[in-house]
């Protein structure tokens, strides 16, 4: 751990805050105090004495007031964190944006479209498995299976007359072509596998295995 940000609410110091501060007593690195919800203080003259009081509780690297919900001073907090982070060697090549495979990324694109289109209706136990990912010249063929746990969830994902599933496929294919830089032929199915989220073997086959095992 290189930097710690202690986040508190303006004009409030709770027992939980005190407990966290005590646990940080032996932390040798910089601790930044972020004071949130300053926009809710009607009498701004109360803020400066509070900040001074908080600054006296520890030798904080910096104290940053902000209003996170509005985005006020959030960028300043990010700059402070970066300033206190140590400079290290690059872990990956400069032009590498992810360690995930293309197969994984296209599955995530399908899952993203499901999330956006279904919103509150999205079944909790839902995942996407890529059964086929084949490059044929300038065309990539992708077969994606959307797994749910109950037949009623299958109907939600397919939609009336298959409309939801078609739209998921259309949007996902557009993004896949942008990602891969070539044409994509995408086919999607919705299948039911009861209790897959509680089945260790099913989780392993779907790519959710603990990296420390197997």
N, C-alpha and C. Protein backbone atom coordinates (compact mmCIF):
# COMPACT_ATOMS: atom_id res chain seq x y z
N UNK A 1 0.84 -1.18 0.00
CA UNK A 1 0.00 0.00 0.00
C UNK A 1 0.89 1.24 0.00
N UNK A 2 0.65 2.14 -0.96
CA UNK A 2 1.51 3.31 -1.12
C UNK A 2 0.90 4.58 -0.52
N UNK A 3 -0.39 4.77 -0.71
CA UNK A 3 -1.07 5.97 -0.24
C UNK A 3 -2.43 5.57 0.33
N UNK A 4 -2.82 6.23 1.42
CA UNK A 4 -4.15 6.00 2.00
C UNK A 4 -4.94 7.29 1.93
N UNK A 5 -6.21 7.19 1.51
CA UNK A 5 -7.11 8.34 1.53
C UNK A 5 -8.15 8.09 2.62
N UNK A 6 -8.16 8.92 3.63
CA UNK A 6 -9.15 8.85 4.71
C UNK A 6 -10.29 9.80 4.35
N UNK A 7 -11.46 9.24 4.06
CA UNK A 7 -12.60 10.03 3.62
C UNK A 7 -13.57 10.25 4.78
N UNK A 8 -13.85 11.51 5.07
CA UNK A 8 -14.80 11.85 6.14
C UNK A 8 -15.83 12.84 5.59
N UNK A 9 -16.87 13.08 6.38
CA UNK A 9 -17.89 14.04 6.00
C UNK A 9 -17.63 15.37 6.68
N UNK A 10 -17.84 16.44 5.96
CA UNK A 10 -17.59 17.78 6.50
C UNK A 10 -18.41 18.03 7.76
N UNK A 11 -17.76 18.60 8.76
CA UNK A 11 -18.35 18.96 10.05
C UNK A 11 -18.78 17.75 10.87
N UNK A 12 -18.29 16.54 10.50
CA UNK A 12 -18.60 15.35 11.27
C UNK A 12 -17.33 14.56 11.53
N UNK A 13 -17.15 14.13 12.76
CA UNK A 13 -16.06 13.23 13.11
C UNK A 13 -16.65 12.16 14.01
N UNK A 14 -16.76 10.94 13.50
CA UNK A 14 -17.46 9.88 14.21
C UNK A 14 -16.49 8.94 14.92
N UNK A 15 -17.06 8.08 15.72
CA UNK A 15 -16.24 7.07 16.39
C UNK A 15 -15.59 6.14 15.38
N UNK A 16 -16.29 5.84 14.30
CA UNK A 16 -15.71 5.01 13.24
C UNK A 16 -14.51 5.69 12.60
N UNK A 17 -14.63 7.01 12.39
CA UNK A 17 -13.50 7.77 11.83
C UNK A 17 -12.30 7.70 12.75
N UNK A 18 -12.56 7.84 14.05
CA UNK A 18 -11.48 7.79 15.04
C UNK A 18 -10.81 6.42 15.04
N UNK A 19 -11.63 5.37 14.90
CA UNK A 19 -11.11 4.01 14.88
C UNK A 19 -10.20 3.79 13.67
N UNK A 20 -10.62 4.28 12.51
CA UNK A 20 -9.78 4.14 11.30
C UNK A 20 -8.48 4.89 11.48
N UNK A 21 -8.55 6.09 12.03
CA UNK A 21 -7.34 6.88 12.24
C UNK A 21 -6.36 6.16 13.17
N UNK A 22 -6.89 5.52 14.20
CA UNK A 22 -6.03 4.77 15.12
C UNK A 22 -5.36 3.60 14.41
N UNK A 23 -6.09 2.94 13.52
CA UNK A 23 -5.52 1.81 12.80
C UNK A 23 -4.45 2.25 11.81
N UNK A 24 -4.46 3.53 11.45
CA UNK A 24 -3.46 4.07 10.54
C UNK A 24 -2.23 4.59 11.27
N UNK A 25 -2.22 4.46 12.58
CA UNK A 25 -1.13 5.03 13.37
C UNK A 25 0.24 4.48 12.95
N UNK A 26 0.28 3.20 12.58
CA UNK A 26 1.56 2.58 12.22
C UNK A 26 1.83 2.58 10.72
N UNK A 27 0.93 3.19 9.96
CA UNK A 27 1.15 3.23 8.51
C UNK A 27 2.24 4.26 8.20
N UNK A 28 3.33 3.84 7.56
CA UNK A 28 4.46 4.74 7.36
C UNK A 28 4.32 5.68 6.16
N UNK A 29 3.37 5.38 5.29
CA UNK A 29 3.24 6.17 4.07
C UNK A 29 2.36 7.39 4.25
N UNK A 30 2.15 8.15 3.16
CA UNK A 30 1.31 9.35 3.23
C UNK A 30 -0.16 9.03 3.39
N UNK A 31 -0.84 9.80 4.23
CA UNK A 31 -2.28 9.68 4.41
C UNK A 31 -2.91 11.01 4.01
N UNK A 32 -3.80 10.95 3.03
CA UNK A 32 -4.49 12.14 2.56
C UNK A 32 -5.88 12.19 3.20
N UNK A 33 -6.25 13.32 3.74
CA UNK A 33 -7.58 13.48 4.33
C UNK A 33 -8.49 14.14 3.30
N UNK A 34 -9.55 13.43 2.90
CA UNK A 34 -10.53 13.98 1.97
C UNK A 34 -11.80 14.30 2.75
N UNK A 35 -12.22 15.55 2.70
CA UNK A 35 -13.39 16.01 3.44
C UNK A 35 -14.53 16.24 2.45
N UNK A 36 -15.51 15.35 2.49
CA UNK A 36 -16.57 15.36 1.49
C UNK A 36 -17.80 16.16 1.96
N UNK A 37 -18.67 16.45 1.02
CA UNK A 37 -19.96 17.13 1.23
C UNK A 37 -19.81 18.55 1.74
N UNK A 38 -18.75 19.24 1.32
CA UNK A 38 -18.58 20.63 1.74
C UNK A 38 -19.64 21.53 1.13
N UNK A 39 -20.28 21.07 0.05
CA UNK A 39 -21.32 21.86 -0.60
C UNK A 39 -22.59 21.95 0.25
N UNK A 40 -22.72 21.05 1.22
CA UNK A 40 -23.93 21.04 2.06
C UNK A 40 -23.83 21.98 3.26
N UNK A 41 -22.70 22.62 3.40
CA UNK A 41 -22.51 23.53 4.54
C UNK A 41 -23.00 24.92 4.14
N UNK A 42 -24.06 25.37 4.79
CA UNK A 42 -24.62 26.68 4.49
C UNK A 42 -23.71 27.80 4.98
N UNK A 43 -23.19 27.63 6.19
CA UNK A 43 -22.31 28.64 6.78
C UNK A 43 -20.86 28.22 6.53
N UNK A 44 -20.26 28.74 5.47
CA UNK A 44 -18.91 28.34 5.07
C UNK A 44 -17.85 28.75 6.09
N UNK A 45 -18.18 29.68 6.97
CA UNK A 45 -17.20 30.11 7.97
C UNK A 45 -16.89 29.00 8.97
N UNK A 46 -17.75 27.97 9.04
CA UNK A 46 -17.52 26.86 9.95
C UNK A 46 -16.53 25.84 9.39
N UNK A 47 -16.31 25.92 8.08
CA UNK A 47 -15.49 24.89 7.42
C UNK A 47 -14.01 25.01 7.78
N UNK A 48 -13.46 26.22 7.73
CA UNK A 48 -12.03 26.38 7.97
C UNK A 48 -11.61 25.94 9.37
N UNK A 49 -12.34 26.32 10.44
CA UNK A 49 -11.98 25.81 11.77
C UNK A 49 -12.04 24.29 11.85
N UNK A 50 -13.03 23.70 11.17
CA UNK A 50 -13.13 22.24 11.17
C UNK A 50 -11.92 21.61 10.48
N UNK A 51 -11.52 22.17 9.33
CA UNK A 51 -10.36 21.63 8.61
C UNK A 51 -9.10 21.74 9.46
N UNK A 52 -8.96 22.84 10.18
CA UNK A 52 -7.79 23.02 11.06
C UNK A 52 -7.80 21.97 12.17
N UNK A 53 -8.99 21.73 12.72
CA UNK A 53 -9.10 20.73 13.79
C UNK A 53 -8.73 19.35 13.27
N UNK A 54 -9.21 19.00 12.09
CA UNK A 54 -8.92 17.70 11.51
C UNK A 54 -7.43 17.56 11.19
N UNK A 55 -6.84 18.63 10.69
CA UNK A 55 -5.42 18.60 10.34
C UNK A 55 -4.55 18.37 11.56
N UNK A 56 -5.07 18.69 12.73
CA UNK A 56 -4.30 18.51 13.96
C UNK A 56 -4.34 17.08 14.50
N UNK A 57 -5.17 16.24 13.92
CA UNK A 57 -5.30 14.87 14.42
C UNK A 57 -4.16 13.97 13.95
N UNK A 58 -3.51 14.38 12.86
CA UNK A 58 -2.40 13.59 12.32
C UNK A 58 -1.63 14.48 11.35
N UNK A 59 -0.43 14.10 11.10
CA UNK A 59 0.36 14.83 10.11
C UNK A 59 -0.04 14.33 8.72
N UNK A 60 -1.20 14.81 8.25
CA UNK A 60 -1.69 14.38 6.94
C UNK A 60 -0.80 14.94 5.83
N UNK A 61 -0.65 14.14 4.78
CA UNK A 61 0.12 14.62 3.63
C UNK A 61 -0.55 15.85 3.03
N UNK A 62 -1.87 15.78 2.89
CA UNK A 62 -2.65 16.93 2.40
C UNK A 62 -4.08 16.76 2.87
N UNK A 63 -4.80 17.88 2.93
CA UNK A 63 -6.22 17.88 3.27
C UNK A 63 -6.96 18.46 2.07
N UNK A 64 -7.93 17.69 1.55
CA UNK A 64 -8.63 18.09 0.33
C UNK A 64 -10.13 18.15 0.58
N UNK A 65 -10.73 19.33 0.57
CA UNK A 65 -12.19 19.42 0.66
C UNK A 65 -12.80 19.17 -0.72
N UNK A 66 -13.95 18.50 -0.75
CA UNK A 66 -14.58 18.21 -2.03
C UNK A 66 -16.06 17.96 -1.87
N UNK A 67 -16.75 17.95 -3.03
CA UNK A 67 -18.17 17.57 -3.10
C UNK A 67 -18.26 16.50 -4.17
N UNK A 68 -18.13 15.24 -3.78
CA UNK A 68 -17.98 14.14 -4.73
C UNK A 68 -19.19 13.99 -5.64
N UNK A 69 -20.40 14.17 -5.09
CA UNK A 69 -21.60 13.98 -5.90
C UNK A 69 -21.65 14.96 -7.06
N UNK A 70 -21.19 16.18 -6.84
CA UNK A 70 -21.17 17.20 -7.89
C UNK A 70 -19.89 17.17 -8.71
N UNK A 71 -18.91 16.42 -8.23
CA UNK A 71 -17.64 16.36 -8.93
C UNK A 71 -16.70 17.50 -8.60
N UNK A 72 -17.06 18.32 -7.62
CA UNK A 72 -16.23 19.47 -7.26
C UNK A 72 -14.96 19.02 -6.55
N UNK A 73 -13.83 19.37 -7.11
CA UNK A 73 -12.51 19.12 -6.53
C UNK A 73 -12.10 17.64 -6.55
N UNK A 74 -12.89 16.79 -7.21
CA UNK A 74 -12.53 15.38 -7.31
C UNK A 74 -11.24 15.22 -8.12
N UNK A 75 -11.13 15.99 -9.20
CA UNK A 75 -9.91 15.94 -10.02
C UNK A 75 -8.70 16.37 -9.21
N UNK A 76 -8.89 17.33 -8.31
CA UNK A 76 -7.78 17.79 -7.46
C UNK A 76 -7.33 16.67 -6.53
N UNK A 77 -8.29 15.91 -5.99
CA UNK A 77 -7.95 14.77 -5.14
C UNK A 77 -7.16 13.73 -5.93
N UNK A 78 -7.58 13.48 -7.16
CA UNK A 78 -6.86 12.52 -8.00
C UNK A 78 -5.41 12.98 -8.23
N UNK A 79 -5.23 14.27 -8.47
CA UNK A 79 -3.87 14.80 -8.69
C UNK A 79 -3.03 14.65 -7.43
N UNK A 80 -3.64 14.85 -6.28
CA UNK A 80 -2.91 14.70 -5.02
C UNK A 80 -2.45 13.26 -4.84
N UNK A 81 -3.36 12.32 -5.11
CA UNK A 81 -3.01 10.89 -4.97
C UNK A 81 -1.85 10.54 -5.90
N UNK A 82 -1.94 10.99 -7.15
CA UNK A 82 -0.88 10.70 -8.12
C UNK A 82 0.44 11.30 -7.66
N UNK A 83 0.38 12.49 -7.11
CA UNK A 83 1.61 13.16 -6.66
C UNK A 83 2.33 12.38 -5.57
N UNK A 84 1.58 11.68 -4.74
CA UNK A 84 2.20 10.94 -3.63
C UNK A 84 2.52 9.48 -3.99
N UNK A 85 2.09 9.05 -5.15
CA UNK A 85 2.40 7.67 -5.56
C UNK A 85 3.86 7.57 -6.00
N UNK A 86 4.55 6.52 -5.62
CA UNK A 86 5.95 6.37 -6.04
C UNK A 86 6.04 6.01 -7.53
N UNK A 87 7.09 6.44 -8.16
CA UNK A 87 7.32 6.13 -9.56
C UNK A 87 7.96 4.74 -9.65
N UNK A 88 7.38 3.88 -10.47
CA UNK A 88 7.91 2.52 -10.61
C UNK A 88 8.08 2.14 -12.06
N UNK A 89 8.56 0.94 -12.27
CA UNK A 89 8.74 0.43 -13.62
C UNK A 89 7.38 0.07 -14.23
N UNK A 90 7.27 0.21 -15.55
CA UNK A 90 6.05 -0.22 -16.24
C UNK A 90 5.93 -1.74 -16.14
N UNK A 91 4.73 -2.21 -15.76
CA UNK A 91 4.50 -3.65 -15.65
C UNK A 91 4.12 -4.26 -16.98
N UNK A 92 3.61 -3.43 -17.91
CA UNK A 92 3.17 -3.92 -19.21
C UNK A 92 3.65 -2.97 -20.29
N UNK A 93 3.70 -3.41 -21.54
CA UNK A 93 4.09 -2.52 -22.64
C UNK A 93 3.18 -1.30 -22.71
N UNK A 94 3.73 -0.19 -23.17
CA UNK A 94 3.01 1.07 -23.18
C UNK A 94 1.73 1.01 -24.01
N UNK A 95 1.73 0.23 -25.11
CA UNK A 95 0.58 0.18 -25.99
C UNK A 95 -0.41 -0.93 -25.63
N UNK A 96 -0.18 -1.63 -24.53
CA UNK A 96 -1.08 -2.71 -24.11
C UNK A 96 -2.14 -2.15 -23.18
N UNK A 97 -3.41 -2.24 -23.61
CA UNK A 97 -4.48 -1.63 -22.82
C UNK A 97 -5.18 -2.63 -21.92
N UNK A 98 -4.96 -3.93 -22.13
CA UNK A 98 -5.58 -4.94 -21.27
C UNK A 98 -4.85 -6.27 -21.41
N UNK A 99 -4.95 -7.10 -20.37
CA UNK A 99 -4.39 -8.45 -20.43
C UNK A 99 -5.46 -9.47 -20.79
N UNK A 100 -6.70 -9.02 -20.92
CA UNK A 100 -7.80 -9.93 -21.23
C UNK A 100 -7.76 -10.36 -22.69
N UNK A 101 -8.22 -11.57 -22.96
CA UNK A 101 -8.25 -12.08 -24.32
C UNK A 101 -9.41 -11.45 -25.10
N UNK A 102 -9.34 -11.53 -26.44
CA UNK A 102 -10.43 -11.03 -27.27
C UNK A 102 -11.71 -11.80 -26.98
N UNK A 103 -11.58 -13.08 -26.71
CA UNK A 103 -12.73 -13.92 -26.40
C UNK A 103 -13.45 -13.40 -25.15
N UNK A 104 -12.67 -13.05 -24.13
CA UNK A 104 -13.26 -12.52 -22.89
C UNK A 104 -13.92 -11.17 -23.15
N UNK A 105 -13.25 -10.31 -23.94
CA UNK A 105 -13.76 -8.96 -24.18
C UNK A 105 -15.08 -8.98 -24.94
N UNK A 106 -15.22 -9.88 -25.92
CA UNK A 106 -16.48 -9.91 -26.66
C UNK A 106 -17.61 -10.43 -25.77
N UNK A 107 -17.31 -11.34 -24.85
CA UNK A 107 -18.32 -11.79 -23.89
C UNK A 107 -18.78 -10.64 -23.02
N UNK A 108 -17.83 -9.79 -22.61
CA UNK A 108 -18.17 -8.64 -21.78
C UNK A 108 -19.01 -7.64 -22.54
N UNK A 109 -18.80 -7.52 -23.86
CA UNK A 109 -19.61 -6.62 -24.66
C UNK A 109 -21.06 -7.07 -24.69
N UNK A 110 -21.28 -8.38 -24.82
CA UNK A 110 -22.65 -8.91 -24.79
C UNK A 110 -23.27 -8.64 -23.42
N UNK A 111 -22.51 -8.90 -22.37
CA UNK A 111 -23.03 -8.69 -21.01
C UNK A 111 -23.36 -7.20 -20.77
N UNK A 112 -22.51 -6.33 -21.31
CA UNK A 112 -22.76 -4.88 -21.15
C UNK A 112 -24.08 -4.48 -21.79
N UNK A 113 -24.33 -4.98 -23.01
CA UNK A 113 -25.57 -4.62 -23.70
C UNK A 113 -26.79 -5.16 -22.95
N UNK A 114 -26.67 -6.34 -22.39
CA UNK A 114 -27.76 -6.88 -21.58
C UNK A 114 -28.05 -5.98 -20.39
N UNK A 115 -26.99 -5.53 -19.74
CA UNK A 115 -27.14 -4.66 -18.57
C UNK A 115 -27.83 -3.36 -18.94
N UNK A 116 -27.41 -2.77 -20.06
CA UNK A 116 -27.96 -1.48 -20.47
C UNK A 116 -29.42 -1.60 -20.92
N UNK A 117 -29.75 -2.67 -21.62
CA UNK A 117 -31.09 -2.79 -22.16
C UNK A 117 -32.11 -3.29 -21.15
N UNK A 118 -31.69 -4.20 -20.27
CA UNK A 118 -32.63 -4.79 -19.31
C UNK A 118 -32.77 -3.97 -18.04
N UNK A 119 -31.69 -3.31 -17.62
CA UNK A 119 -31.68 -2.47 -16.41
C UNK A 119 -32.26 -3.24 -15.21
N UNK A 120 -33.39 -2.76 -14.65
CA UNK A 120 -33.94 -3.38 -13.44
C UNK A 120 -34.41 -4.82 -13.67
N UNK A 121 -34.72 -5.17 -14.92
CA UNK A 121 -35.20 -6.52 -15.22
C UNK A 121 -34.07 -7.54 -15.31
N UNK A 122 -32.82 -7.08 -15.31
CA UNK A 122 -31.69 -7.97 -15.52
C UNK A 122 -31.66 -9.07 -14.47
N UNK A 123 -31.69 -10.33 -14.89
CA UNK A 123 -31.59 -11.43 -13.92
C UNK A 123 -30.25 -11.37 -13.19
N UNK A 124 -30.30 -11.59 -11.88
CA UNK A 124 -29.08 -11.52 -11.06
C UNK A 124 -28.08 -12.59 -11.51
N UNK A 125 -28.56 -13.80 -11.72
CA UNK A 125 -27.68 -14.91 -12.11
C UNK A 125 -27.66 -15.02 -13.63
N UNK A 126 -26.83 -14.21 -14.25
CA UNK A 126 -26.71 -14.20 -15.70
C UNK A 126 -25.25 -14.07 -16.08
N UNK A 127 -24.82 -14.87 -17.05
CA UNK A 127 -23.45 -14.75 -17.54
C UNK A 127 -23.42 -15.06 -19.02
N UNK A 128 -22.30 -14.77 -19.66
CA UNK A 128 -22.15 -14.98 -21.10
C UNK A 128 -20.95 -15.88 -21.34
N UNK A 129 -21.14 -16.93 -22.14
CA UNK A 129 -20.06 -17.84 -22.49
C UNK A 129 -19.87 -17.83 -24.01
N UNK A 130 -18.64 -17.65 -24.45
CA UNK A 130 -18.33 -17.70 -25.87
C UNK A 130 -17.99 -19.14 -26.24
N UNK A 131 -18.89 -19.79 -26.98
CA UNK A 131 -18.67 -21.18 -27.36
C UNK A 131 -17.81 -21.30 -28.61
N UNK A 132 -17.84 -20.29 -29.46
CA UNK A 132 -17.06 -20.35 -30.70
C UNK A 132 -16.52 -18.96 -31.01
N UNK A 133 -15.24 -18.90 -31.31
CA UNK A 133 -14.58 -17.65 -31.69
C UNK A 133 -13.56 -18.02 -32.77
N UNK A 134 -13.96 -17.85 -34.01
CA UNK A 134 -13.14 -18.32 -35.12
C UNK A 134 -12.89 -17.18 -36.11
N UNK A 135 -11.64 -16.99 -36.48
CA UNK A 135 -11.27 -15.99 -37.47
C UNK A 135 -11.18 -16.65 -38.84
N UNK A 136 -11.93 -16.10 -39.79
CA UNK A 136 -11.91 -16.59 -41.17
C UNK A 136 -11.59 -15.42 -42.08
N UNK A 137 -10.31 -15.21 -42.33
CA UNK A 137 -9.89 -14.06 -43.12
C UNK A 137 -10.21 -12.77 -42.40
N UNK A 138 -11.01 -11.92 -43.02
CA UNK A 138 -11.39 -10.63 -42.42
C UNK A 138 -12.71 -10.73 -41.64
N UNK A 139 -13.19 -11.95 -41.43
CA UNK A 139 -14.44 -12.17 -40.71
C UNK A 139 -14.18 -12.98 -39.45
N UNK A 140 -14.81 -12.60 -38.35
CA UNK A 140 -14.74 -13.37 -37.12
C UNK A 140 -16.14 -13.88 -36.80
N UNK A 141 -16.26 -15.18 -36.59
CA UNK A 141 -17.54 -15.78 -36.22
C UNK A 141 -17.57 -16.01 -34.72
N UNK A 142 -18.62 -15.49 -34.08
CA UNK A 142 -18.74 -15.58 -32.63
C UNK A 142 -20.09 -16.21 -32.28
N UNK A 143 -20.05 -17.27 -31.50
CA UNK A 143 -21.27 -17.88 -30.95
C UNK A 143 -21.28 -17.63 -29.45
N UNK A 144 -22.28 -16.90 -28.99
CA UNK A 144 -22.35 -16.53 -27.58
C UNK A 144 -23.59 -17.14 -26.94
N UNK A 145 -23.40 -17.78 -25.79
CA UNK A 145 -24.53 -18.34 -25.02
C UNK A 145 -24.73 -17.49 -23.78
N UNK A 146 -25.94 -17.04 -23.58
CA UNK A 146 -26.31 -16.29 -22.38
C UNK A 146 -26.96 -17.27 -21.42
N UNK A 147 -26.32 -17.51 -20.29
CA UNK A 147 -26.82 -18.48 -19.31
C UNK A 147 -27.64 -17.79 -18.23
N UNK A 148 -28.83 -18.32 -17.98
CA UNK A 148 -29.67 -17.87 -16.87
C UNK A 148 -30.03 -19.09 -16.03
N UNK A 149 -30.67 -18.86 -14.89
CA UNK A 149 -30.96 -19.98 -13.99
C UNK A 149 -32.40 -20.48 -14.05
N UNK A 150 -33.31 -19.67 -14.63
CA UNK A 150 -34.71 -20.09 -14.66
C UNK A 150 -35.33 -19.79 -16.02
N UNK A 151 -36.35 -20.55 -16.35
CA UNK A 151 -37.02 -20.39 -17.64
C UNK A 151 -37.64 -18.99 -17.76
N UNK A 152 -38.17 -18.46 -16.65
CA UNK A 152 -38.76 -17.12 -16.69
C UNK A 152 -37.72 -16.06 -17.03
N UNK A 153 -36.46 -16.27 -16.57
CA UNK A 153 -35.39 -15.33 -16.88
C UNK A 153 -35.04 -15.39 -18.36
N UNK A 154 -35.16 -16.57 -18.94
CA UNK A 154 -34.89 -16.73 -20.37
C UNK A 154 -35.82 -15.85 -21.19
N UNK A 155 -37.09 -15.82 -20.79
CA UNK A 155 -38.05 -15.00 -21.49
C UNK A 155 -37.74 -13.52 -21.41
N UNK A 156 -37.22 -13.09 -20.25
CA UNK A 156 -36.86 -11.68 -20.07
C UNK A 156 -35.74 -11.29 -21.02
N UNK A 157 -34.73 -12.16 -21.12
CA UNK A 157 -33.58 -11.85 -21.96
C UNK A 157 -33.95 -11.87 -23.44
N UNK A 158 -34.79 -12.82 -23.85
CA UNK A 158 -35.18 -12.90 -25.26
C UNK A 158 -36.08 -11.73 -25.64
N UNK A 159 -37.02 -11.39 -24.76
CA UNK A 159 -37.94 -10.29 -25.04
C UNK A 159 -39.08 -10.71 -25.95
N UNK A 160 -40.06 -9.82 -26.10
CA UNK A 160 -41.23 -10.13 -26.90
C UNK A 160 -40.85 -10.32 -28.36
N UNK A 161 -41.15 -11.49 -28.89
CA UNK A 161 -40.81 -11.78 -30.27
C UNK A 161 -39.32 -11.80 -30.56
N UNK A 162 -38.50 -11.94 -29.51
CA UNK A 162 -37.05 -11.97 -29.68
C UNK A 162 -36.42 -10.60 -29.83
N UNK A 163 -37.21 -9.53 -29.56
CA UNK A 163 -36.73 -8.17 -29.83
C UNK A 163 -35.52 -7.79 -28.98
N UNK A 164 -35.55 -8.15 -27.70
CA UNK A 164 -34.44 -7.76 -26.81
C UNK A 164 -33.15 -8.46 -27.22
N UNK A 165 -33.23 -9.75 -27.48
CA UNK A 165 -32.02 -10.49 -27.86
C UNK A 165 -31.45 -9.99 -29.18
N UNK A 166 -32.31 -9.65 -30.13
CA UNK A 166 -31.83 -9.12 -31.41
C UNK A 166 -31.10 -7.80 -31.22
N UNK A 167 -31.67 -6.95 -30.37
CA UNK A 167 -31.03 -5.65 -30.15
C UNK A 167 -29.72 -5.79 -29.39
N UNK A 168 -29.66 -6.71 -28.43
CA UNK A 168 -28.40 -7.00 -27.74
C UNK A 168 -27.35 -7.43 -28.74
N UNK A 169 -27.73 -8.34 -29.64
CA UNK A 169 -26.79 -8.83 -30.64
C UNK A 169 -26.34 -7.75 -31.59
N UNK A 170 -27.27 -6.90 -32.02
CA UNK A 170 -26.92 -5.82 -32.96
C UNK A 170 -25.90 -4.86 -32.34
N UNK A 171 -26.20 -4.39 -31.11
CA UNK A 171 -25.30 -3.44 -30.46
C UNK A 171 -23.95 -4.07 -30.14
N UNK A 172 -23.97 -5.32 -29.68
CA UNK A 172 -22.72 -5.99 -29.35
C UNK A 172 -21.86 -6.20 -30.59
N UNK A 173 -22.49 -6.56 -31.71
CA UNK A 173 -21.73 -6.79 -32.94
C UNK A 173 -21.05 -5.52 -33.42
N UNK A 174 -21.74 -4.38 -33.33
CA UNK A 174 -21.15 -3.11 -33.74
C UNK A 174 -19.89 -2.82 -32.92
N UNK A 175 -19.99 -3.02 -31.61
CA UNK A 175 -18.84 -2.75 -30.74
C UNK A 175 -17.72 -3.78 -30.96
N UNK A 176 -18.09 -5.03 -31.24
CA UNK A 176 -17.07 -6.05 -31.52
C UNK A 176 -16.28 -5.69 -32.76
N UNK A 177 -16.97 -5.22 -33.79
CA UNK A 177 -16.27 -4.86 -35.03
C UNK A 177 -15.34 -3.68 -34.79
N UNK A 178 -15.76 -2.77 -33.95
CA UNK A 178 -14.89 -1.64 -33.61
C UNK A 178 -13.68 -2.11 -32.81
N UNK A 179 -13.90 -3.04 -31.89
CA UNK A 179 -12.82 -3.56 -31.06
C UNK A 179 -11.82 -4.38 -31.86
N UNK A 180 -12.34 -5.29 -32.71
CA UNK A 180 -11.48 -6.23 -33.43
C UNK A 180 -10.94 -5.68 -34.75
N UNK A 181 -11.59 -4.64 -35.26
CA UNK A 181 -11.13 -4.06 -36.51
C UNK A 181 -11.46 -4.91 -37.73
N UNK A 182 -12.52 -5.72 -37.64
CA UNK A 182 -12.93 -6.55 -38.77
C UNK A 182 -14.41 -6.90 -38.62
N UNK A 183 -14.99 -7.45 -39.69
CA UNK A 183 -16.39 -7.83 -39.66
C UNK A 183 -16.63 -8.98 -38.69
N UNK A 184 -17.81 -8.95 -38.05
CA UNK A 184 -18.16 -9.98 -37.08
C UNK A 184 -19.52 -10.57 -37.44
N UNK A 185 -19.60 -11.89 -37.44
CA UNK A 185 -20.88 -12.59 -37.57
C UNK A 185 -21.18 -13.17 -36.19
N UNK A 186 -22.18 -12.59 -35.53
CA UNK A 186 -22.50 -12.95 -34.14
C UNK A 186 -23.82 -13.69 -34.07
N UNK A 187 -23.81 -14.84 -33.41
CA UNK A 187 -25.03 -15.57 -33.11
C UNK A 187 -25.15 -15.71 -31.59
N UNK A 188 -26.35 -15.51 -31.08
CA UNK A 188 -26.57 -15.58 -29.63
C UNK A 188 -27.71 -16.53 -29.32
N UNK A 189 -27.57 -17.24 -28.21
CA UNK A 189 -28.62 -18.11 -27.69
C UNK A 189 -28.77 -17.83 -26.20
N UNK A 190 -29.97 -18.12 -25.69
CA UNK A 190 -30.22 -18.04 -24.26
C UNK A 190 -30.54 -19.44 -23.77
N UNK A 191 -29.79 -19.92 -22.78
CA UNK A 191 -30.00 -21.25 -22.25
C UNK A 191 -30.15 -21.21 -20.73
N UNK A 192 -30.82 -22.22 -20.20
CA UNK A 192 -31.07 -22.31 -18.76
C UNK A 192 -30.16 -23.38 -18.15
N UNK A 193 -29.46 -23.01 -17.10
CA UNK A 193 -28.68 -23.99 -16.33
C UNK A 193 -28.96 -23.69 -14.86
N UNK A 194 -29.86 -24.45 -14.26
CA UNK A 194 -30.28 -24.18 -12.89
C UNK A 194 -29.11 -24.29 -11.92
N UNK A 195 -28.99 -23.29 -11.07
CA UNK A 195 -28.00 -23.31 -10.01
C UNK A 195 -26.56 -23.18 -10.46
N UNK A 196 -26.31 -22.65 -11.67
CA UNK A 196 -24.93 -22.57 -12.15
C UNK A 196 -24.07 -21.68 -11.26
N UNK A 197 -24.66 -20.65 -10.66
CA UNK A 197 -23.86 -19.72 -9.86
C UNK A 197 -23.42 -20.33 -8.53
N UNK A 198 -24.03 -21.47 -8.14
CA UNK A 198 -23.63 -22.16 -6.92
C UNK A 198 -22.89 -23.47 -7.20
N UNK A 199 -22.66 -23.75 -8.47
CA UNK A 199 -22.01 -25.00 -8.87
C UNK A 199 -20.55 -24.71 -9.20
N UNK A 200 -19.65 -25.26 -8.40
CA UNK A 200 -18.22 -24.97 -8.58
C UNK A 200 -17.72 -25.42 -9.95
N UNK A 201 -18.18 -26.57 -10.42
CA UNK A 201 -17.74 -27.07 -11.72
C UNK A 201 -18.26 -26.17 -12.84
N UNK A 202 -19.51 -25.70 -12.69
CA UNK A 202 -20.07 -24.81 -13.71
C UNK A 202 -19.32 -23.49 -13.73
N UNK A 203 -19.01 -22.98 -12.56
CA UNK A 203 -18.25 -21.73 -12.48
C UNK A 203 -16.90 -21.86 -13.16
N UNK A 204 -16.25 -23.02 -12.93
CA UNK A 204 -14.95 -23.25 -13.55
C UNK A 204 -15.06 -23.29 -15.07
N UNK A 205 -16.07 -23.95 -15.58
CA UNK A 205 -16.23 -24.06 -17.03
C UNK A 205 -16.58 -22.72 -17.66
N UNK A 206 -17.19 -21.83 -16.88
CA UNK A 206 -17.57 -20.52 -17.40
C UNK A 206 -16.49 -19.47 -17.17
N UNK A 207 -15.35 -19.89 -16.62
CA UNK A 207 -14.22 -18.97 -16.47
C UNK A 207 -14.18 -18.23 -15.17
N UNK A 208 -14.93 -18.69 -14.15
CA UNK A 208 -14.95 -18.01 -12.88
C UNK A 208 -14.12 -18.75 -11.81
N UNK A 209 -13.21 -19.61 -12.22
CA UNK A 209 -12.43 -20.37 -11.26
C UNK A 209 -11.46 -19.46 -10.52
N UNK A 210 -11.22 -19.79 -9.27
CA UNK A 210 -10.23 -19.07 -8.47
C UNK A 210 -8.86 -19.26 -9.11
N UNK A 211 -8.13 -18.14 -9.47
CA UNK A 211 -6.85 -18.31 -10.10
C UNK A 211 -5.84 -19.04 -9.26
N UNK A 212 -6.09 -19.12 -7.97
CA UNK A 212 -5.13 -19.79 -7.08
C UNK A 212 -5.36 -21.28 -7.02
N UNK A 213 -6.40 -21.79 -7.74
CA UNK A 213 -6.68 -23.22 -7.70
C UNK A 213 -6.64 -23.78 -9.11
N UNK A 214 -6.61 -25.09 -9.22
CA UNK A 214 -6.70 -25.73 -10.52
C UNK A 214 -5.40 -25.67 -11.29
